[in-house]
Amino acid sequence: MEQLLEFETVSKKFGSKAALQGISLSVNPGRIVGLLGSNGSGKSTLMRIAAGLIRPDSGKVRVLGDEPGVQSKARVSFMPDKPQFESWMTVGEALNFQKDFFPDFDPDKSKRMLDFMKLSRKDKTSSLSKGMQERLQLTLALSRRASLYLLDEPIGGVDPVARDHILDALVEFYEEDSSVIVSTHLIADIERIFDEVLMIKDGSLVLREDVERIRLTSGKSVDQLFKEVYAEC
């Protein structure tokens, strides 16, 4: 089985601050993976390296067997924690921009997602609430037929109803032979969709485990275990 993502002792600094410290991990197809940590723990840096937007200082990264670059970007859909669209755009213009930029954009899938998310192509993005902007962000990311989806804090700052809708859409529309990595610090709200979790603190990977194994062996939720692991680190 080809691994979608591999990190081998990857480190990254910004000035004197170590954002990642010797991270090693791998992600196989067909998984929804939670990348868990507090703000500033290194989650976004890991995501941006995997997306090919920044380079590590040391270590090796492979995306579907290749170093991050033009080839890997064509197969990775990255949803950053900031909007991917301009405020002057309509929803339809934002989707058209995504379609023009990525050959794997699926118009039929985007239409189904728009219906599911209750978004109109005519809506101005500047008039959308925070929750509706998050729905559009996810629509842009999941309308591609990518091999790896990287979603950076997709439910941050939205109300519980919007969170549930976004999580339902994620499970409904991601490609089954692909994988999704979701970074979040809102663990209790999102753990129900995870197959496995990676816990990161101060740039170091402190735990990697299947969610079902966590529940069977410890009798704890992922959120409970996360709080214990962080208390011990």
C-alpha atoms as a PDB file:
ATOM      1  CA  MET A   1       0.000   0.000   0.000  1.00  0.00           C
ATOM      2  CA  GLU A   2       1.438   3.356  -1.054  1.00  0.00           C
ATOM      3  CA  GLN A   3       1.710   5.822   1.795  1.00  0.00           C
ATOM      4  CA  LEU A   4       0.145   9.157   0.992  1.00  0.00           C
ATOM      5  CA  LEU A   5       2.353  11.129   3.340  1.00  0.00           C
ATOM      6  CA  GLU A   6       5.676  10.407   5.039  1.00  0.00           C
ATOM      7  CA  PHE A   7       7.683  12.597   7.396  1.00  0.00           C
ATOM      8  CA  GLU A   8      11.110  11.354   8.466  1.00  0.00           C
ATOM      9  CA  THR A   9      12.745  13.308  11.331  1.00  0.00           C
ATOM     10  CA  VAL A  10      11.436  16.613   9.979  1.00  0.00           C
ATOM     11  CA  SER A  11      12.434  19.820  11.773  1.00  0.00           C
ATOM     12  CA  LYS A  12      11.654  23.466  11.088  1.00  0.00           C
ATOM     13  CA  LYS A  13      12.641  26.706  12.812  1.00  0.00           C
ATOM     14  CA  PHE A  14      11.421  30.258  12.404  1.00  0.00           C
ATOM     15  CA  GLY A  15      14.235  32.392  13.733  1.00  0.00           C
ATOM     16  CA  SER A  16      15.186  30.930  17.098  1.00  0.00           C
ATOM     17  CA  LYS A  17      11.823  29.222  17.619  1.00  0.00           C
ATOM     18  CA  ALA A  18      11.569  25.505  16.832  1.00  0.00           C
ATOM     19  CA  ALA A  19       8.215  24.926  15.128  1.00  0.00           C
ATOM     20  CA  LEU A  20       8.816  21.205  14.461  1.00  0.00           C
ATOM     21  CA  GLN A  21      11.366  18.954  16.132  1.00  0.00           C
ATOM     22  CA  GLY A  22      12.232  15.599  14.554  1.00  0.00           C
ATOM     23  CA  ILE A  23       8.710  14.680  13.449  1.00  0.00           C
ATOM     24  CA  SER A  24       8.287  11.205  11.917  1.00  0.00           C
ATOM     25  CA  LEU A  25       4.890   9.934  10.762  1.00  0.00           C
ATOM     26  CA  SER A  26       3.063   8.283   7.881  1.00  0.00           C
ATOM     27  CA  VAL A  27      -0.507   8.355   6.589  1.00  0.00           C
ATOM     28  CA  ASN A  28      -2.109   5.579   4.548  1.00  0.00           C
ATOM     29  CA  PRO A  29      -5.120   5.838   2.188  1.00  0.00           C
ATOM     30  CA  GLY A  30      -8.675   5.681   3.483  1.00  0.00           C
ATOM     31  CA  ARG A  31      -8.086   7.438   6.795  1.00  0.00           C
ATOM     32  CA  ILE A  32      -9.387  10.553   8.520  1.00  0.00           C
ATOM     33  CA  VAL A  33      -6.571  11.654  10.783  1.00  0.00           C
ATOM     34  CA  GLY A  34      -6.799  14.199  13.579  1.00  0.00           C
ATOM     35  CA  LEU A  35      -3.726  16.389  14.044  1.00  0.00           C
ATOM     36  CA  LEU A  36      -4.265  17.586  17.597  1.00  0.00           C
ATOM     37  CA  GLY A  37      -2.555  20.301  19.570  1.00  0.00           C
ATOM     38  CA  SER A  38      -3.011  23.694  21.136  1.00  0.00           C
ATOM     39  CA  ASN A  39      -2.478  26.906  19.209  1.00  0.00           C
ATOM     40  CA  GLY A  40       1.227  27.326  18.478  1.00  0.00           C
ATOM     41  CA  SER A  41       2.028  23.624  18.820  1.00  0.00           C
ATOM     42  CA  GLY A  42       3.270  23.261  15.223  1.00  0.00           C
ATOM     43  CA  LYS A  43       0.138  21.957  13.488  1.00  0.00           C
ATOM     44  CA  SER A  44      -0.037  24.647  10.790  1.00  0.00           C
ATOM     45  CA  THR A  45       3.694  24.353  10.071  1.00  0.00           C
ATOM     46  CA  LEU A  46       3.329  20.599   9.557  1.00  0.00           C
ATOM     47  CA  MET A  47       0.347  21.189   7.256  1.00  0.00           C
ATOM     48  CA  ARG A  48       2.160  23.813   5.182  1.00  0.00           C
ATOM     49  CA  ILE A  49       5.197  21.571   4.756  1.00  0.00           C
ATOM     50  CA  ALA A  50       2.974  18.691   3.623  1.00  0.00           C
ATOM     51  CA  ALA A  51       1.217  21.046   1.198  1.00  0.00           C
ATOM     52  CA  GLY A  52       4.573  22.093  -0.294  1.00  0.00           C
ATOM     53  CA  LEU A  53       4.211  25.727   0.771  1.00  0.00           C
ATOM     54  CA  ILE A  54       7.303  25.812   2.983  1.00  0.00           C
ATOM     55  CA  ARG A  55      10.391  23.603   3.186  1.00  0.00           C
ATOM     56  CA  PRO A  56      11.713  21.860   6.283  1.00  0.00           C
ATOM     57  CA  ASP A  57      15.157  22.718   7.588  1.00  0.00           C
ATOM     58  CA  SER A  58      16.039  19.040   7.904  1.00  0.00           C
ATOM     59  CA  GLY A  59      14.511  15.614   7.404  1.00  0.00           C
ATOM     60  CA  LYS A  60      12.652  14.067   4.486  1.00  0.00           C
ATOM     61  CA  VAL A  61       9.067  14.559   3.298  1.00  0.00           C
ATOM     62  CA  ARG A  62       7.311  12.402   0.714  1.00  0.00           C
ATOM     63  CA  VAL A  63       3.827  12.941  -0.709  1.00  0.00           C
ATOM     64  CA  LEU A  64       2.745   9.875  -2.702  1.00  0.00           C
ATOM     65  CA  GLY A  65       6.427   8.985  -2.987  1.00  0.00           C
ATOM     66  CA  ASP A  66       7.587  12.383  -4.245  1.00  0.00           C
ATOM     67  CA  GLU A  67       9.119  15.395  -2.551  1.00  0.00           C
ATOM     68  CA  PRO A  68       6.573  18.185  -2.140  1.00  0.00           C
ATOM     69  CA  GLY A  69       6.460  20.276  -5.299  1.00  0.00           C
ATOM     70  CA  VAL A  70       4.476  20.865  -8.462  1.00  0.00           C
ATOM     71  CA  GLN A  71       3.615  17.190  -8.888  1.00  0.00           C
ATOM     72  CA  SER A  72       2.442  16.688  -5.305  1.00  0.00           C
ATOM     73  CA  LYS A  73       0.458  19.960  -5.253  1.00  0.00           C
ATOM     74  CA  ALA A  74      -1.645  18.580  -8.115  1.00  0.00           C
ATOM     75  CA  ARG A  75      -2.758  15.740  -5.825  1.00  0.00           C
ATOM     76  CA  VAL A  76      -3.027  17.559  -2.490  1.00  0.00           C
ATOM     77  CA  SER A  77      -5.943  19.826  -1.569  1.00  0.00           C
ATOM     78  CA  PHE A  78      -5.004  22.263   1.196  1.00  0.00           C
ATOM     79  CA  MET A  79      -7.561  24.285   3.147  1.00  0.00           C
ATOM     80  CA  PRO A  80      -5.686  26.953   5.131  1.00  0.00           C
ATOM     81  CA  ASP A  81      -7.032  28.609   8.261  1.00  0.00           C
ATOM     82  CA  LYS A  82      -7.506  31.843   6.279  1.00  0.00           C
ATOM     83  CA  PRO A  83      -9.988  32.358   3.389  1.00  0.00           C
ATOM     84  CA  GLN A  84      -8.878  31.189  -0.067  1.00  0.00           C
ATOM     85  CA  PHE A  85     -11.149  33.680  -1.795  1.00  0.00           C
ATOM     86  CA  GLU A  86     -11.227  37.458  -2.212  1.00  0.00           C
ATOM     87  CA  SER A  87     -13.924  39.564  -0.577  1.00  0.00           C
ATOM     88  CA  TRP A  88     -15.092  40.946  -3.936  1.00  0.00           C
ATOM     89  CA  MET A  89     -15.894  37.454  -5.257  1.00  0.00           C
ATOM     90  CA  THR A  90     -19.236  35.733  -5.360  1.00  0.00           C
ATOM     91  CA  VAL A  91     -19.403  32.090  -4.316  1.00  0.00           C
ATOM     92  CA  GLY A  92     -19.576  31.146  -8.000  1.00  0.00           C
ATOM     93  CA  GLU A  93     -16.486  33.203  -8.837  1.00  0.00           C
ATOM     94  CA  ALA A  94     -14.556  31.555  -6.011  1.00  0.00           C
ATOM     95  CA  LEU A  95     -15.505  28.128  -7.383  1.00  0.00           C
ATOM     96  CA  ASN A  96     -14.595  29.163 -10.940  1.00  0.00           C
ATOM     97  CA  PHE A  97     -11.189  30.305  -9.724  1.00  0.00           C
ATOM     98  CA  GLN A  98     -10.649  26.920  -8.077  1.00  0.00           C
ATOM     99  CA  LYS A  99     -11.788  25.164 -11.262  1.00  0.00           C
ATOM    100  CA  ASP A 100      -9.373  27.152 -13.440  1.00  0.00           C
ATOM    101  CA  PHE A 101      -6.462  26.501 -11.099  1.00  0.00           C
ATOM    102  CA  PHE A 102      -6.858  22.766 -10.412  1.00  0.00           C
ATOM    103  CA  PRO A 103      -7.517  20.188 -13.180  1.00  0.00           C
ATOM    104  CA  ASP A 104      -9.013  17.715 -10.686  1.00  0.00           C
ATOM    105  CA  PHE A 105     -11.827  20.113  -9.757  1.00  0.00           C
ATOM    106  CA  ASP A 106     -15.161  18.291 -10.129  1.00  0.00           C
ATOM    107  CA  PRO A 107     -18.064  20.637 -11.067  1.00  0.00           C
ATOM    108  CA  ASP A 108     -20.699  18.007 -10.286  1.00  0.00           C
ATOM    109  CA  LYS A 109     -19.220  17.402  -6.858  1.00  0.00           C
ATOM    110  CA  SER A 110     -19.048  21.144  -6.176  1.00  0.00           C
ATOM    111  CA  LYS A 111     -22.730  21.503  -7.113  1.00  0.00           C
ATOM    112  CA  ARG A 112     -23.720  18.725  -4.722  1.00  0.00           C
ATOM    113  CA  MET A 113     -21.638  20.319  -1.994  1.00  0.00           C
ATOM    114  CA  LEU A 114     -23.210  23.732  -2.585  1.00  0.00           C
ATOM    115  CA  ASP A 115     -26.649  22.171  -2.149  1.00  0.00           C
ATOM    116  CA  PHE A 116     -25.556  20.311   0.981  1.00  0.00           C
ATOM    117  CA  MET A 117     -23.965  23.447   2.445  1.00  0.00           C
ATOM    118  CA  LYS A 118     -26.952  25.629   1.487  1.00  0.00           C
ATOM    119  CA  LEU A 119     -24.739  28.048  -0.444  1.00  0.00           C
ATOM    120  CA  SER A 120     -25.767  30.005  -3.540  1.00  0.00           C
ATOM    121  CA  ARG A 121     -23.364  30.791  -6.372  1.00  0.00           C
ATOM    122  CA  LYS A 122     -24.788  34.329  -6.425  1.00  0.00           C
ATOM    123  CA  ASP A 123     -23.916  35.121  -2.791  1.00  0.00           C
ATOM    124  CA  LYS A 124     -21.146  37.646  -2.201  1.00  0.00           C
ATOM    125  CA  THR A 125     -18.434  36.086  -0.070  1.00  0.00           C
ATOM    126  CA  SER A 126     -18.197  39.335   1.927  1.00  0.00           C
ATOM    127  CA  SER A 127     -21.827  38.913   3.015  1.00  0.00           C
ATOM    128  CA  LEU A 128     -21.353  35.373   4.351  1.00  0.00           C
ATOM    129  CA  SER A 129     -21.266  34.693   8.081  1.00  0.00           C
ATOM    130  CA  LYS A 130     -18.170  33.085   9.599  1.00  0.00           C
ATOM    131  CA  GLY A 131     -19.896  29.704   9.562  1.00  0.00           C
ATOM    132  CA  MET A 132     -20.946  30.043   5.912  1.00  0.00           C
ATOM    133  CA  GLN A 133     -17.423  31.120   4.951  1.00  0.00           C
ATOM    134  CA  GLU A 134     -16.126  27.949   6.605  1.00  0.00           C
ATOM    135  CA  ARG A 135     -18.651  25.962   4.560  1.00  0.00           C
ATOM    136  CA  LEU A 136     -17.383  27.633   1.378  1.00  0.00           C
ATOM    137  CA  GLN A 137     -13.777  26.937   2.371  1.00  0.00           C
ATOM    138  CA  LEU A 138     -14.566  23.246   2.756  1.00  0.00           C
ATOM    139  CA  THR A 139     -16.525  23.222  -0.522  1.00  0.00           C
ATOM    140  CA  LEU A 140     -13.493  24.629  -2.341  1.00  0.00           C
ATOM    141  CA  ALA A 141     -11.175  22.044  -0.799  1.00  0.00           C
ATOM    142  CA  LEU A 142     -13.395  18.967  -1.195  1.00  0.00           C
ATOM    143  CA  SER A 143     -14.607  19.797  -4.707  1.00  0.00           C
ATOM    144  CA  ARG A 144     -11.249  18.537  -5.908  1.00  0.00           C
ATOM    145  CA  ARG A 145     -10.669  14.808  -6.469  1.00  0.00           C
ATOM    146  CA  ALA A 146      -7.411  14.840  -4.561  1.00  0.00           C
ATOM    147  CA  SER A 147      -5.456  12.017  -2.949  1.00  0.00           C
ATOM    148  CA  LEU A 148      -4.698  13.929   0.248  1.00  0.00           C
ATOM    149  CA  TYR A 149      -6.813  16.628   1.873  1.00  0.00           C
ATOM    150  CA  LEU A 150      -5.183  18.903   4.458  1.00  0.00           C
ATOM    151  CA  LEU A 151      -7.700  20.912   6.463  1.00  0.00           C
ATOM    152  CA  ASP A 152      -6.245  23.450   8.887  1.00  0.00           C
ATOM    153  CA  GLU A 153      -8.696  24.278  11.696  1.00  0.00           C
ATOM    154  CA  PRO A 154     -11.827  23.833   9.541  1.00  0.00           C
ATOM    155  CA  ILE A 155     -14.254  24.412  12.418  1.00  0.00           C
ATOM    156  CA  GLY A 156     -12.407  27.102  14.354  1.00  0.00           C
ATOM    157  CA  GLY A 157     -14.592  30.012  15.393  1.00  0.00           C
ATOM    158  CA  VAL A 158     -17.957  28.697  14.170  1.00  0.00           C
ATOM    159  CA  ASP A 159     -21.030  27.789  16.190  1.00  0.00           C
ATOM    160  CA  PRO A 160     -21.878  24.168  17.132  1.00  0.00           C
ATOM    161  CA  VAL A 161     -24.603  23.830  14.466  1.00  0.00           C
ATOM    162  CA  ALA A 162     -22.203  24.938  11.733  1.00  0.00           C
ATOM    163  CA  ARG A 163     -19.542  22.589  13.114  1.00  0.00           C
ATOM    164  CA  ASP A 164     -21.817  19.565  12.835  1.00  0.00           C
ATOM    165  CA  HIS A 165     -22.783  20.518   9.272  1.00  0.00           C
ATOM    166  CA  ILE A 166     -19.146  20.949   8.258  1.00  0.00           C
ATOM    167  CA  LEU A 167     -18.149  17.593   9.796  1.00  0.00           C
ATOM    168  CA  ASP A 168     -21.061  15.808   8.104  1.00  0.00           C
ATOM    169  CA  ALA A 169     -19.974  17.290   4.771  1.00  0.00           C
ATOM    170  CA  LEU A 170     -16.385  16.217   5.299  1.00  0.00           C
ATOM    171  CA  VAL A 171     -17.383  12.595   5.874  1.00  0.00           C
ATOM    172  CA  GLU A 172     -19.887  12.690   2.997  1.00  0.00           C
ATOM    173  CA  PHE A 173     -17.697  14.208   0.289  1.00  0.00           C
ATOM    174  CA  TYR A 174     -14.059  13.227   0.720  1.00  0.00           C
ATOM    175  CA  GLU A 175     -12.740  10.595  -1.701  1.00  0.00           C
ATOM    176  CA  GLU A 176     -12.813   7.139  -0.093  1.00  0.00           C
ATOM    177  CA  ASP A 177      -9.420   6.066  -1.495  1.00  0.00           C
ATOM    178  CA  SER A 178      -7.819   9.280  -0.271  1.00  0.00           C
ATOM    179  CA  SER A 179      -7.052  10.489   3.239  1.00  0.00           C
ATOM    180  CA  VAL A 180      -7.838  13.607   5.227  1.00  0.00           C
ATOM    181  CA  ILE A 181      -5.697  15.258   7.874  1.00  0.00           C
ATOM    182  CA  VAL A 182      -7.654  17.671  10.045  1.00  0.00           C
ATOM    183  CA  SER A 183      -5.807  19.940  12.455  1.00  0.00           C
ATOM    184  CA  THR A 184      -7.798  21.158  15.436  1.00  0.00           C
ATOM    185  CA  HIS A 185      -7.703  22.091  19.097  1.00  0.00           C
ATOM    186  CA  LEU A 186     -11.501  21.605  19.388  1.00  0.00           C
ATOM    187  CA  ILE A 187     -11.206  17.874  19.970  1.00  0.00           C
ATOM    188  CA  ALA A 188     -14.490  17.088  21.704  1.00  0.00           C
ATOM    189  CA  ASP A 189     -16.432  18.621  18.808  1.00  0.00           C
ATOM    190  CA  ILE A 190     -14.713  16.661  16.054  1.00  0.00           C
ATOM    191  CA  GLU A 191     -13.284  13.383  17.399  1.00  0.00           C
ATOM    192  CA  ARG A 192     -16.283  11.368  16.187  1.00  0.00           C
ATOM    193  CA  ILE A 193     -14.999  11.449  12.594  1.00  0.00           C
ATOM    194  CA  PHE A 194     -11.372  10.395  13.281  1.00  0.00           C
ATOM    195  CA  ASP A 195      -9.850   7.010  12.478  1.00  0.00           C
ATOM    196  CA  GLU A 196      -6.557   7.888  14.134  1.00  0.00           C
ATOM    197  CA  VAL A 197      -4.971  10.824  15.906  1.00  0.00           C
ATOM    198  CA  LEU A 198      -1.571  12.472  16.035  1.00  0.00           C
ATOM    199  CA  MET A 199      -0.908  14.598  19.114  1.00  0.00           C
ATOM    200  CA  ILE A 200       1.709  17.310  18.813  1.00  0.00           C
ATOM    201  CA  LYS A 201       3.122  19.597  21.497  1.00  0.00           C
ATOM    202  CA  ASP A 202       5.867  22.225  21.169  1.00  0.00           C
ATOM    203  CA  GLY A 203       6.728  20.868  17.730  1.00  0.00           C
ATOM    204  CA  SER A 204       7.147  17.246  18.854  1.00  0.00           C
ATOM    205  CA  LEU A 205       4.900  14.257  18.170  1.00  0.00           C
ATOM    206  CA  VAL A 206       3.883  12.931  21.589  1.00  0.00           C
ATOM    207  CA  LEU A 207       1.301  10.304  20.606  1.00  0.00           C
ATOM    208  CA  ARG A 208      -0.014   8.475  17.555  1.00  0.00           C
ATOM    209  CA  GLU A 209      -2.851   5.964  17.937  1.00  0.00           C
ATOM    210  CA  ASP A 210      -5.994   4.529  16.349  1.00  0.00           C
ATOM    211  CA  VAL A 211      -9.107   6.051  17.891  1.00  0.00           C
ATOM    212  CA  GLU A 212     -10.801   2.693  18.364  1.00  0.00           C
ATOM    213  CA  ARG A 213      -7.762   1.361  20.215  1.00  0.00           C
ATOM    214  CA  ILE A 214      -7.782   4.418  22.489  1.00  0.00           C
ATOM    215  CA  ARG A 215     -11.390   3.793  23.439  1.00  0.00           C
ATOM    216  CA  LEU A 216     -10.990   0.029  23.881  1.00  0.00           C
ATOM    217  CA  THR A 217      -7.737   0.045  25.858  1.00  0.00           C
ATOM    218  CA  SER A 218      -8.165   3.171  27.958  1.00  0.00           C
ATOM    219  CA  GLY A 219     -11.935   3.573  28.139  1.00  0.00           C
ATOM    220  CA  LYS A 220     -11.386   7.267  27.476  1.00  0.00           C
ATOM    221  CA  SER A 221     -12.461   9.650  24.771  1.00  0.00           C
ATOM    222  CA  VAL A 222      -9.800  11.214  22.575  1.00  0.00           C
ATOM    223  CA  ASP A 223     -10.427  14.541  24.299  1.00  0.00           C
ATOM    224  CA  GLN A 224      -9.881  12.991  27.746  1.00  0.00           C
ATOM    225  CA  LEU A 225      -6.670  11.267  26.644  1.00  0.00           C
ATOM    226  CA  PHE A 226      -5.431  14.462  25.005  1.00  0.00           C
ATOM    227  CA  LYS A 227      -5.808  16.372  28.272  1.00  0.00           C
ATOM    228  CA  GLU A 228      -3.934  13.631  30.155  1.00  0.00           C
ATOM    229  CA  VAL A 229      -1.108  13.469  27.613  1.00  0.00           C
ATOM    230  CA  TYR A 230      -0.662  17.229  27.627  1.00  0.00           C
ATOM    231  CA  ALA A 231      -0.681  17.328  31.430  1.00  0.00           C
ATOM    232  CA  GLU A 232       2.148  14.794  31.488  1.00  0.00           C
ATOM    233  CA  CYS A 233       4.338  16.441  28.835  1.00  0.00           C
END
